[in-house]
Protein backbone atom coordinates (compact mmCIF):
# COMPACT_ATOMS: atom_id res chain seq x y z
CA MET A 1 -11.32 -21.28 -5.33
CA MET A 2 -9.29 -20.06 -8.32
CA ILE A 3 -8.35 -16.40 -8.22
CA LYS A 4 -9.74 -14.08 -10.88
CA VAL A 5 -8.29 -10.76 -9.66
CA VAL A 6 -5.01 -9.38 -8.28
CA ILE A 7 -5.29 -6.19 -6.21
CA PHE A 8 -2.21 -4.13 -5.45
CA ASP A 9 -1.56 -1.64 -2.67
CA MET A 10 0.59 1.17 -4.02
CA ASP A 11 2.95 2.94 -1.59
CA GLY A 12 5.53 0.52 -0.31
CA THR A 13 4.22 -2.26 -2.51
CA MET A 14 4.57 -1.08 -6.11
CA ILE A 15 6.72 1.97 -5.42
CA ASP A 16 9.40 2.64 -2.80
CA THR A 17 7.73 5.78 -1.41
CA GLU A 18 7.27 4.48 2.15
CA HIS A 19 11.03 4.06 2.53
CA GLN A 20 11.85 7.28 0.69
CA ALA A 21 9.40 9.35 2.77
CA SER A 22 10.45 7.79 6.08
CA LEU A 23 13.87 9.39 5.58
CA ASP A 24 12.33 12.82 6.19
CA TRP A 25 10.74 12.16 9.56
CA PRO A 26 13.98 12.67 11.56
CA ALA A 27 14.27 16.24 10.24
CA VAL A 28 10.67 16.83 11.26
CA GLY A 29 11.36 15.44 14.73
CA LYS A 30 14.40 17.67 15.10
CA LYS A 31 12.41 20.77 14.16
CA TYR A 32 9.48 20.08 16.49
CA GLY A 33 11.37 18.35 19.31
CA PHE A 34 10.14 14.74 19.25
CA ILE A 35 11.96 11.41 18.87
CA VAL A 36 11.58 9.51 15.60
CA ASP A 37 12.22 5.79 15.99
CA ASP A 38 11.09 2.65 14.09
CA GLU A 39 7.89 2.46 16.16
CA PHE A 40 6.97 6.05 15.18
CA ILE A 41 7.59 5.42 11.49
CA HIS A 42 5.70 2.14 11.45
CA THR A 43 2.69 3.82 13.10
CA PHE A 44 2.24 5.95 9.94
CA LEU A 45 2.56 3.25 7.30
CA GLY A 46 -0.41 2.72 4.99
CA LEU A 47 -2.47 5.58 6.39
CA THR A 48 -4.19 8.54 4.78
CA GLY A 49 -2.99 12.08 5.41
CA LYS A 50 -6.08 12.75 7.55
CA VAL A 51 -5.37 9.78 9.82
CA LYS A 52 -1.70 10.76 10.06
CA ILE A 53 -2.71 14.19 11.24
CA GLU A 54 -4.98 12.63 13.90
CA LYS A 55 -2.09 10.48 15.11
CA LEU A 56 0.26 13.47 15.17
CA LYS A 57 -2.31 15.34 17.32
CA GLU A 58 -2.27 12.46 19.81
CA ARG A 59 1.50 12.36 19.97
CA LEU A 60 2.19 16.07 19.89
CA PRO A 61 -0.54 17.85 21.93
CA ASN A 62 1.45 21.08 22.06
CA GLU A 63 1.98 21.38 18.29
CA ASP A 64 -0.34 22.08 15.38
CA PRO A 65 -0.50 18.70 13.58
CA VAL A 66 -1.54 20.28 10.30
CA GLU A 67 1.62 22.44 10.35
CA VAL A 68 3.78 19.46 11.26
CA MET A 69 2.31 17.42 8.45
CA ALA A 70 2.72 20.30 5.99
CA TYR A 71 6.42 20.62 6.87
CA TYR A 72 6.86 16.83 6.43
CA ARG A 73 5.13 16.97 3.03
CA SER A 74 7.35 19.87 1.95
CA LEU A 75 10.38 17.73 2.65
CA THR A 76 9.06 14.68 0.84
CA LYS A 77 8.13 16.78 -2.18
CA VAL A 78 11.72 18.01 -2.42
CA ARG A 79 12.97 14.39 -2.14
CA PHE A 80 10.55 13.03 -4.76
CA ASP A 81 11.20 15.95 -7.14
CA ARG A 82 14.92 15.30 -6.80
CA ASP A 83 15.05 11.49 -6.74
CA GLY A 84 11.85 10.58 -8.62
CA ILE A 85 9.49 7.76 -7.70
CA LEU A 86 11.43 4.51 -7.35
CA VAL A 87 9.60 1.50 -8.76
CA LYS A 88 9.85 -1.78 -6.85
CA PRO A 89 11.90 -4.42 -8.77
CA GLY A 90 9.76 -6.94 -10.62
CA LEU A 91 6.62 -4.80 -10.84
CA VAL A 92 6.28 -4.68 -14.66
CA GLU A 93 7.13 -8.41 -14.96
CA LEU A 94 4.44 -9.27 -12.41
CA LEU A 95 1.81 -7.04 -14.03
CA THR A 96 2.66 -8.52 -17.47
CA HIS A 97 2.40 -12.08 -16.14
CA CYS A 98 -0.95 -11.37 -14.54
CA ARG A 99 -2.26 -9.87 -17.74
CA ASN A 100 -1.02 -12.87 -19.73
CA GLN A 101 -2.96 -15.11 -17.33
CA LYS A 102 -6.13 -13.07 -18.08
CA LEU A 103 -6.43 -11.81 -14.52
CA LYS A 104 -8.17 -8.55 -13.71
CA LEU A 105 -5.92 -5.99 -11.99
CA ALA A 106 -6.78 -3.26 -9.52
CA VAL A 107 -5.20 -0.80 -7.10
CA ALA A 108 -6.53 -0.23 -3.60
CA SER A 109 -4.53 2.52 -1.87
CA ALA A 110 -4.95 4.97 1.01
CA ALA A 111 -3.74 7.66 -1.40
CA PRO A 112 -6.33 9.87 -3.12
CA LEU A 113 -7.46 8.66 -6.53
CA SER A 114 -5.87 11.63 -8.30
CA ARG A 115 -2.47 10.77 -6.80
CA ILE A 116 -2.82 7.08 -7.76
CA GLN A 117 -3.57 8.09 -11.33
CA GLU A 118 -0.68 10.60 -11.46
CA ILE A 119 1.90 8.15 -10.04
CA LEU A 120 0.83 5.10 -12.09
CA SER A 121 0.85 7.23 -15.26
CA GLY A 122 4.25 8.64 -14.34
CA ILE A 123 5.84 5.17 -13.92
CA GLY A 124 4.14 3.88 -17.06
CA VAL A 125 1.80 1.20 -15.62
CA LEU A 126 -1.60 2.91 -15.45
CA ASP A 127 -2.97 0.99 -18.48
CA PHE A 128 -2.47 -2.33 -16.79
CA PHE A 129 -5.27 -1.66 -14.30
CA ASP A 130 -9.02 -2.21 -14.69
CA VAL A 131 -10.07 -0.46 -11.46
CA LEU A 132 -8.43 2.09 -9.11
CA VAL A 133 -9.79 2.76 -5.62
CA GLY A 134 -8.34 5.55 -3.49
CA GLY A 135 -8.69 6.40 0.18
CA ASP A 136 -10.93 9.34 -0.75
CA MET A 137 -13.51 6.93 -2.15
CA ILE A 138 -14.26 5.10 1.14
CA THR A 139 -15.52 5.91 4.62
CA HIS A 140 -13.37 3.50 6.66
CA GLN A 141 -9.61 3.30 6.05
CA LYS A 142 -7.34 0.29 6.37
CA PRO A 143 -7.25 -1.85 8.48
CA HIS A 144 -11.05 -1.82 7.90
CA PRO A 145 -11.92 -4.15 4.97
CA GLU A 146 -14.02 -1.59 3.08
CA ILE A 147 -11.42 -0.68 0.45
CA TYR A 148 -10.93 -4.28 -0.63
CA GLU A 149 -14.63 -5.07 -0.50
CA LEU A 150 -15.32 -2.05 -2.73
CA THR A 151 -12.58 -2.94 -5.13
CA ALA A 152 -13.83 -6.53 -5.54
CA SER A 153 -17.37 -5.27 -5.98
CA LYS A 154 -16.37 -2.79 -8.72
CA LEU A 155 -14.78 -5.65 -10.65
CA GLY A 156 -17.83 -7.92 -10.12
CA PHE A 157 -16.05 -10.64 -8.11
CA ASP A 158 -16.22 -11.99 -4.55
CA CYS A 159 -13.37 -11.11 -2.22
CA ASN A 160 -12.27 -14.75 -2.00
CA GLU A 161 -11.53 -14.62 -5.74
CA CYS A 162 -9.03 -11.81 -5.18
CA ALA A 163 -5.35 -12.07 -4.36
CA VAL A 164 -4.04 -8.95 -2.61
CA ILE A 165 -0.44 -7.78 -2.59
CA GLU A 166 0.43 -5.65 0.46
CA ASP A 167 3.49 -4.54 2.38
CA SER A 168 2.15 -3.13 5.65
CA ARG A 169 0.51 -4.35 8.87
CA VAL A 170 -2.67 -2.30 8.30
CA GLY A 171 -2.87 -3.42 4.69
CA ILE A 172 -2.59 -7.12 5.48
CA ALA A 173 -5.18 -6.67 8.26
CA SER A 174 -7.55 -5.00 5.81
CA ALA A 175 -7.10 -7.65 3.12
CA TYR A 176 -7.54 -10.47 5.67
CA ALA A 177 -10.65 -8.92 7.17
CA ALA A 178 -12.17 -8.69 3.66
CA LYS A 179 -11.61 -12.43 3.22
CA THR A 180 -9.31 -11.88 0.25
CA ARG A 181 -6.10 -13.92 -0.19
CA PRO A 182 -3.27 -11.71 1.02
CA ILE A 183 0.33 -11.96 -0.19
CA LEU A 184 2.86 -10.07 1.89
CA VAL A 185 5.89 -8.44 0.30
CA PRO A 186 7.51 -6.73 3.28
CA ASP A 187 8.86 -3.19 2.98
CA ILE A 188 9.82 -1.27 6.13
CA GLU A 189 8.06 -3.36 8.73
CA THR A 190 9.49 -6.77 9.78
CA PRO A 191 6.49 -9.10 9.73
CA ASP A 192 5.46 -10.68 13.06
CA HIS A 193 3.60 -13.90 13.69
CA LYS A 194 0.17 -12.23 13.38
CA MET A 195 0.94 -10.63 10.04
CA LEU A 196 2.29 -13.95 8.67
CA SER A 197 -0.73 -15.87 9.94
CA HIS A 198 -3.03 -13.58 7.90
CA CYS A 199 -1.22 -14.28 4.62
CA VAL A 200 -1.26 -17.12 2.14
CA SER A 201 2.35 -16.35 1.38
CA CYS A 202 5.19 -13.99 2.28
CA VAL A 203 7.89 -13.34 -0.33
CA ALA A 204 10.88 -11.03 -0.58
CA SER A 205 10.10 -9.20 -3.80
CA LEU A 206 7.42 -8.76 -6.47
CA ASP A 207 9.01 -11.07 -9.00
CA LYS A 208 8.68 -13.88 -6.44
CA VAL A 209 4.89 -13.30 -6.37
CA ILE A 210 4.64 -14.84 -9.84
CA PRO A 211 4.93 -18.53 -8.72
CA VAL A 212 2.48 -17.79 -5.86
CA ILE A 213 -0.05 -16.48 -8.35
CA ASP A 214 0.52 -19.51 -10.59
CA GLU A 215 -0.21 -21.87 -7.68
CA MET A 216 -3.38 -19.96 -6.90
CA LEU A 217 -4.46 -20.35 -10.49
CA LYS A 218 -4.15 -24.12 -10.18
CA ALA A 219 -6.63 -24.24 -7.31
CA SER A 220 -10.13 -25.43 -8.11
């Protein structure tokens, strides 16, 4: 079936926030006395703040997870205020190409809707999108399929008419469970066999998504 919609994750997919923010976890670990390794960082990718707090509670039973998360957020705020939000290469070109192909565009992110609007406006791409769905608009977070099912529904299309661009394990799992057509653009996580088996394609950067979209548009 030909695609009619392209849905984007935000953090780690359109903007480089996952990598930027991961740089602050070692300082948090040093302050609260826990080890920050790749496994720790990968555990928190693509999750809402609420879920991150729950995971911190599991890992740090002797600490206040809300306090730990607040300290982490204070560090990331300083970093983003200083460095700005870094846009992933090829984003504007991909959005423009999709618009030229008359595709509907949406964002489905674990971030709250207000943050999605603020960031997309700040990087100058808000007007490209027809629908925005945030983590505060759903009951079940990624890897549950709800966010992609809701996004497709808001646009009036079936999930199998939607291509989804994701960077994380939980995001790909969510898109796959929703029966969309996931495209993986890896960010921090190195994709394993399971992630790759749940994708129609895996490419190195957003500009390389363009020929994948074009092939999907040829399908009947």
